[in-house]
Amino acid sequence: MTRRTEWPDDHSYGHGDVGHDGGRDDDGRGGSGSAAGGAENRRKRKDGGGSSSSRAEAEPPRTPEEQARAICLRLLTGSARTRKQLGDALHERGIPEDAAQEVLSRFEEVGLIDDAKFADAWVESRHHGRGLARRALARELRTKGVDSATVDEALGQLDSEQEERTARELVDRKLRTTRGLDREKRIRRLAGMLARKGYPEGLALRVVRQALEEEGEDPELVGYYLPEV
């Protein structure tokens, strides 16, 4: 037996629903007026009612020191920088020299700028990550404005034995990718790779010679291209 659904009578609907009188709502205003009011509100929200422009006009311009602080903090958020790097950035942005130096000195006082820590981290990262030798690392640090005494102190963490071990690791990796090349070209690539990374010529030739001999190359043939060092 089918159950009969009982629909509510017309009078049970609330008076606020749209009826047949042109869309009047529960407070008696027409639907078109309500839509117009909504559009006006949206326009006010979009342009802020003019309040944002008034606030911008009321804000005083920032001082050079405030601008310098903001620039430095933004740059330091991405990575550590030396004092020279930050100073160059402030100069490029037109910050007066006296304001720039005042802010940079203050940043040094509170430890936000520390060239010694920067140099230590740079040596650690670039030697173990890229295999750069002391000579190449010193060149990079001086380019970034680190003074010679600080550079020498940072490079003190790398001794000659560590540098030679890293050179040998680099050559061993390169050996695998140069198999099949003729001997002269292979030696040139291995020695050239170490030279580009800042290794002294004597150390580079010695490491390449040892690696090739241990791989099975004839010492006399290797010696023809690589003199004994």
Protein backbone atom coordinates (compact mmCIF):
# COMPACT_ATOMS: atom_id res chain seq x y z
CA MET A 1 0.00 0.00 0.00
CA THR A 2 1.49 3.33 -1.11
CA ARG A 3 1.88 5.91 1.58
CA ARG A 4 0.49 9.29 0.63
CA THR A 5 2.78 12.25 1.04
CA GLU A 6 1.01 15.18 2.66
CA TRP A 7 2.19 18.49 1.24
CA PRO A 8 1.89 21.60 3.43
CA ASP A 9 -0.75 24.14 2.62
CA ASP A 10 0.20 27.43 0.98
CA HIS A 11 -0.37 29.39 4.19
CA SER A 12 2.31 27.37 6.04
CA TYR A 13 5.16 29.09 4.17
CA GLY A 14 6.81 32.03 5.93
CA HIS A 15 5.92 35.52 4.85
CA GLY A 16 9.53 36.32 3.97
CA ASP A 17 9.64 33.96 0.96
CA VAL A 18 9.38 35.30 -2.55
CA GLY A 19 5.77 35.33 -3.59
CA HIS A 20 3.92 36.63 -6.61
CA ASP A 21 4.23 40.35 -5.80
CA GLY A 22 7.40 41.07 -7.79
CA GLY A 23 9.98 39.59 -5.38
CA ARG A 24 9.41 41.64 -2.21
CA ASP A 25 11.36 40.42 0.81
CA ASP A 26 10.35 40.23 4.45
CA ASP A 27 10.98 43.90 5.23
CA GLY A 28 8.91 45.07 2.31
CA ARG A 29 11.76 46.27 0.12
CA GLY A 30 11.95 45.12 -3.44
CA GLY A 31 14.55 42.56 -4.52
CA SER A 32 16.14 45.01 -6.97
CA GLY A 33 16.82 47.50 -4.17
CA SER A 34 18.49 44.81 -2.09
CA ALA A 35 20.73 43.83 -5.02
CA ALA A 36 21.71 47.44 -5.56
CA GLY A 37 22.62 47.78 -1.89
CA GLY A 38 24.78 44.66 -2.08
CA ALA A 39 26.61 46.00 -5.11
CA GLU A 40 27.29 49.27 -3.33
CA ASN A 41 28.68 47.42 -0.31
CA ARG A 42 30.93 45.37 -2.54
CA ARG A 43 32.30 48.51 -4.18
CA LYS A 44 33.04 50.00 -0.77
CA ARG A 45 34.86 46.87 0.32
CA LYS A 46 36.86 46.79 -2.89
CA ASP A 47 38.20 50.29 -2.69
CA GLY A 48 38.24 50.42 1.10
CA GLY A 49 36.01 53.43 1.11
CA GLY A 50 39.05 55.62 0.45
CA SER A 51 40.49 54.90 3.90
CA SER A 52 43.63 53.11 2.67
CA SER A 53 44.75 56.01 0.53
CA SER A 54 44.13 58.39 3.42
CA ARG A 55 46.27 56.24 5.71
CA ALA A 56 49.06 56.10 3.11
CA GLU A 57 49.06 59.88 2.83
CA ALA A 58 49.14 60.21 6.61
CA GLU A 59 52.15 57.88 7.06
CA PRO A 60 55.44 59.81 7.29
CA PRO A 61 58.24 58.72 4.93
CA ARG A 62 60.71 56.25 6.43
CA THR A 63 64.15 57.47 7.43
CA PRO A 64 67.24 56.17 5.59
CA GLU A 65 68.14 54.14 8.68
CA GLU A 66 64.73 52.46 8.71
CA GLN A 67 65.03 51.68 5.02
CA ALA A 68 68.53 50.27 5.53
CA ARG A 69 67.35 48.03 8.37
CA ALA A 70 64.49 46.69 6.28
CA ILE A 71 66.77 45.95 3.33
CA CYS A 72 69.37 44.17 5.47
CA LEU A 73 66.80 42.07 7.31
CA ARG A 74 65.21 41.02 4.04
CA LEU A 75 68.56 39.97 2.56
CA LEU A 76 69.65 38.13 5.71
CA THR A 77 66.40 36.17 5.73
CA GLY A 78 67.53 34.34 2.60
CA SER A 79 71.13 33.58 3.63
CA ALA A 80 74.05 34.91 5.65
CA ARG A 81 75.88 37.88 4.14
CA THR A 82 79.13 39.67 4.81
CA ARG A 83 79.24 43.31 5.82
CA LYS A 84 80.56 44.25 2.38
CA GLN A 85 77.76 42.40 0.59
CA LEU A 86 75.12 44.23 2.63
CA GLY A 87 76.94 47.54 2.23
CA ASP A 88 77.01 47.10 -1.55
CA ALA A 89 73.29 46.31 -1.56
CA LEU A 90 72.49 49.47 0.43
CA HIS A 91 74.63 51.58 -1.88
CA GLU A 92 72.85 50.18 -4.94
CA ARG A 93 69.51 51.16 -3.38
CA GLY A 94 70.62 54.72 -2.76
CA ILE A 95 70.98 54.59 1.02
CA PRO A 96 73.30 57.39 2.27
CA GLU A 97 76.70 56.15 3.41
CA ASP A 98 76.42 57.43 6.99
CA ALA A 99 73.03 55.77 7.50
CA ALA A 100 74.26 52.54 5.95
CA GLN A 101 77.36 52.36 8.15
CA GLU A 102 75.34 53.09 11.28
CA VAL A 103 72.96 50.23 10.58
CA LEU A 104 75.72 47.82 9.56
CA SER A 105 77.68 48.54 12.74
CA ARG A 106 74.57 47.98 14.83
CA PHE A 107 73.92 44.67 13.07
CA GLU A 108 77.49 43.60 13.88
CA GLU A 109 77.02 44.51 17.53
CA VAL A 110 73.99 42.25 17.87
CA GLY A 111 75.53 39.41 15.85
CA LEU A 112 73.38 39.64 12.72
CA ILE A 113 76.54 40.29 10.73
CA ASP A 114 79.55 38.10 11.55
CA ASP A 115 82.20 37.80 8.84
CA ALA A 116 84.21 35.25 10.85
CA LYS A 117 81.27 32.85 11.19
CA PHE A 118 80.39 33.45 7.55
CA ALA A 119 83.93 32.53 6.47
CA ASP A 120 84.00 29.37 8.62
CA ALA A 121 80.68 28.17 7.22
CA TRP A 122 81.73 29.05 3.66
CA VAL A 123 84.93 27.01 3.90
CA GLU A 124 83.12 24.04 5.42
CA SER A 125 80.37 24.07 2.82
CA ARG A 126 82.40 24.79 -0.30
CA HIS A 127 85.24 22.42 0.47
CA HIS A 128 83.15 19.40 1.40
CA GLY A 129 80.32 20.20 -1.01
CA ARG A 130 82.25 21.39 -4.08
CA GLY A 131 85.75 20.14 -3.32
CA LEU A 132 87.34 23.60 -3.55
CA ALA A 133 90.91 23.96 -2.37
CA ARG A 134 92.21 26.66 -0.04
CA ARG A 135 93.37 28.91 -2.86
CA ALA A 136 89.94 28.97 -4.51
CA LEU A 137 88.19 29.45 -1.17
CA ALA A 138 90.43 32.38 -0.28
CA ARG A 139 89.67 34.03 -3.60
CA GLU A 140 85.91 33.67 -3.10
CA LEU A 141 85.98 35.03 0.45
CA ARG A 142 88.07 38.06 -0.52
CA THR A 143 85.62 38.78 -3.33
CA LYS A 144 82.86 38.89 -0.71
CA GLY A 145 84.80 41.43 1.35
CA VAL A 146 86.22 39.21 4.09
CA ASP A 147 89.56 40.59 5.30
CA SER A 148 92.76 38.58 4.88
CA ALA A 149 93.21 37.77 8.58
CA THR A 150 89.69 36.35 8.84
CA VAL A 151 90.20 34.38 5.62
CA ASP A 152 93.42 32.84 6.90
CA GLU A 153 91.77 31.88 10.18
CA ALA A 154 88.86 30.21 8.41
CA LEU A 155 91.19 28.30 6.08
CA GLY A 156 93.07 27.00 9.11
CA GLN A 157 90.46 24.26 9.45
CA LEU A 158 91.85 22.72 6.24
CA ASP A 159 95.35 21.25 6.43
CA SER A 160 97.44 19.87 3.55
CA GLU A 161 96.46 16.27 4.30
CA GLN A 162 92.74 17.07 4.17
CA GLU A 163 93.21 18.97 0.93
CA GLU A 164 95.07 16.05 -0.67
CA ARG A 165 92.42 13.55 0.48
CA THR A 166 89.71 15.66 -1.11
CA ALA A 167 91.71 15.98 -4.34
CA ARG A 168 92.07 12.21 -4.51
CA GLU A 169 88.32 11.72 -3.98
CA LEU A 170 87.62 14.12 -6.83
CA VAL A 171 90.03 12.30 -9.14
CA ASP A 172 88.60 8.88 -8.25
CA ARG A 173 85.09 10.06 -9.18
CA LYS A 174 86.34 11.61 -12.41
CA LEU A 175 88.25 8.46 -13.39
CA ARG A 176 85.02 6.54 -13.82
CA THR A 177 83.66 9.07 -16.30
CA THR A 178 86.85 9.33 -18.38
CA ARG A 179 87.46 5.64 -19.07
CA GLY A 180 87.70 5.04 -22.81
CA LEU A 181 89.44 8.34 -23.55
CA ASP A 182 93.01 8.33 -24.80
CA ARG A 183 95.63 8.71 -22.11
CA GLU A 184 96.72 12.28 -22.87
CA LYS A 185 93.17 13.65 -22.97
CA ARG A 186 92.28 11.81 -19.80
CA ILE A 187 95.25 13.20 -17.89
CA ARG A 188 94.51 16.70 -19.16
CA ARG A 189 90.92 16.53 -17.94
CA LEU A 190 91.85 15.20 -14.52
CA ALA A 191 94.60 17.74 -13.92
CA GLY A 192 92.50 20.58 -15.36
CA MET A 193 89.61 19.75 -13.02
CA LEU A 194 91.87 20.04 -9.98
CA ALA A 195 93.43 23.25 -11.26
CA ARG A 196 90.02 24.88 -11.68
CA LYS A 197 89.18 24.02 -8.07
CA GLY A 198 92.32 25.76 -6.85
CA TYR A 199 94.68 22.86 -6.16
CA PRO A 200 98.41 23.56 -6.54
CA GLU A 201 99.99 22.13 -9.67
CA GLY A 202 102.39 19.84 -7.83
CA LEU A 203 99.67 18.29 -5.70
CA ALA A 204 97.35 17.88 -8.70
CA LEU A 205 99.95 16.09 -10.83
CA ARG A 206 100.97 13.82 -7.97
CA VAL A 207 97.39 12.79 -7.18
CA VAL A 208 96.52 12.14 -10.83
CA ARG A 209 99.68 10.07 -11.36
CA GLN A 210 99.02 7.93 -8.27
CA ALA A 211 95.39 7.34 -9.24
CA LEU A 212 96.24 6.25 -12.79
CA GLU A 213 99.01 3.92 -11.63
CA GLU A 214 96.73 2.30 -9.08
CA GLU A 215 94.13 1.84 -11.81
CA GLY A 216 96.68 -0.18 -13.80
CA GLU A 217 98.25 2.35 -16.16
CA ASP A 218 101.89 1.77 -17.08
CA PRO A 219 103.97 4.03 -14.77
CA GLU A 220 106.44 4.77 -17.57
CA LEU A 221 103.69 5.89 -19.94
CA VAL A 222 102.05 7.94 -17.21
CA GLY A 223 105.40 9.47 -16.37
CA TYR A 224 105.80 10.54 -19.99
CA TYR A 225 102.84 12.90 -19.57
CA LEU A 226 103.16 13.56 -15.84
CA PRO A 227 106.60 14.37 -14.49
CA GLU A 228 107.58 13.01 -11.11
CA VAL A 229 106.69 15.54 -8.41
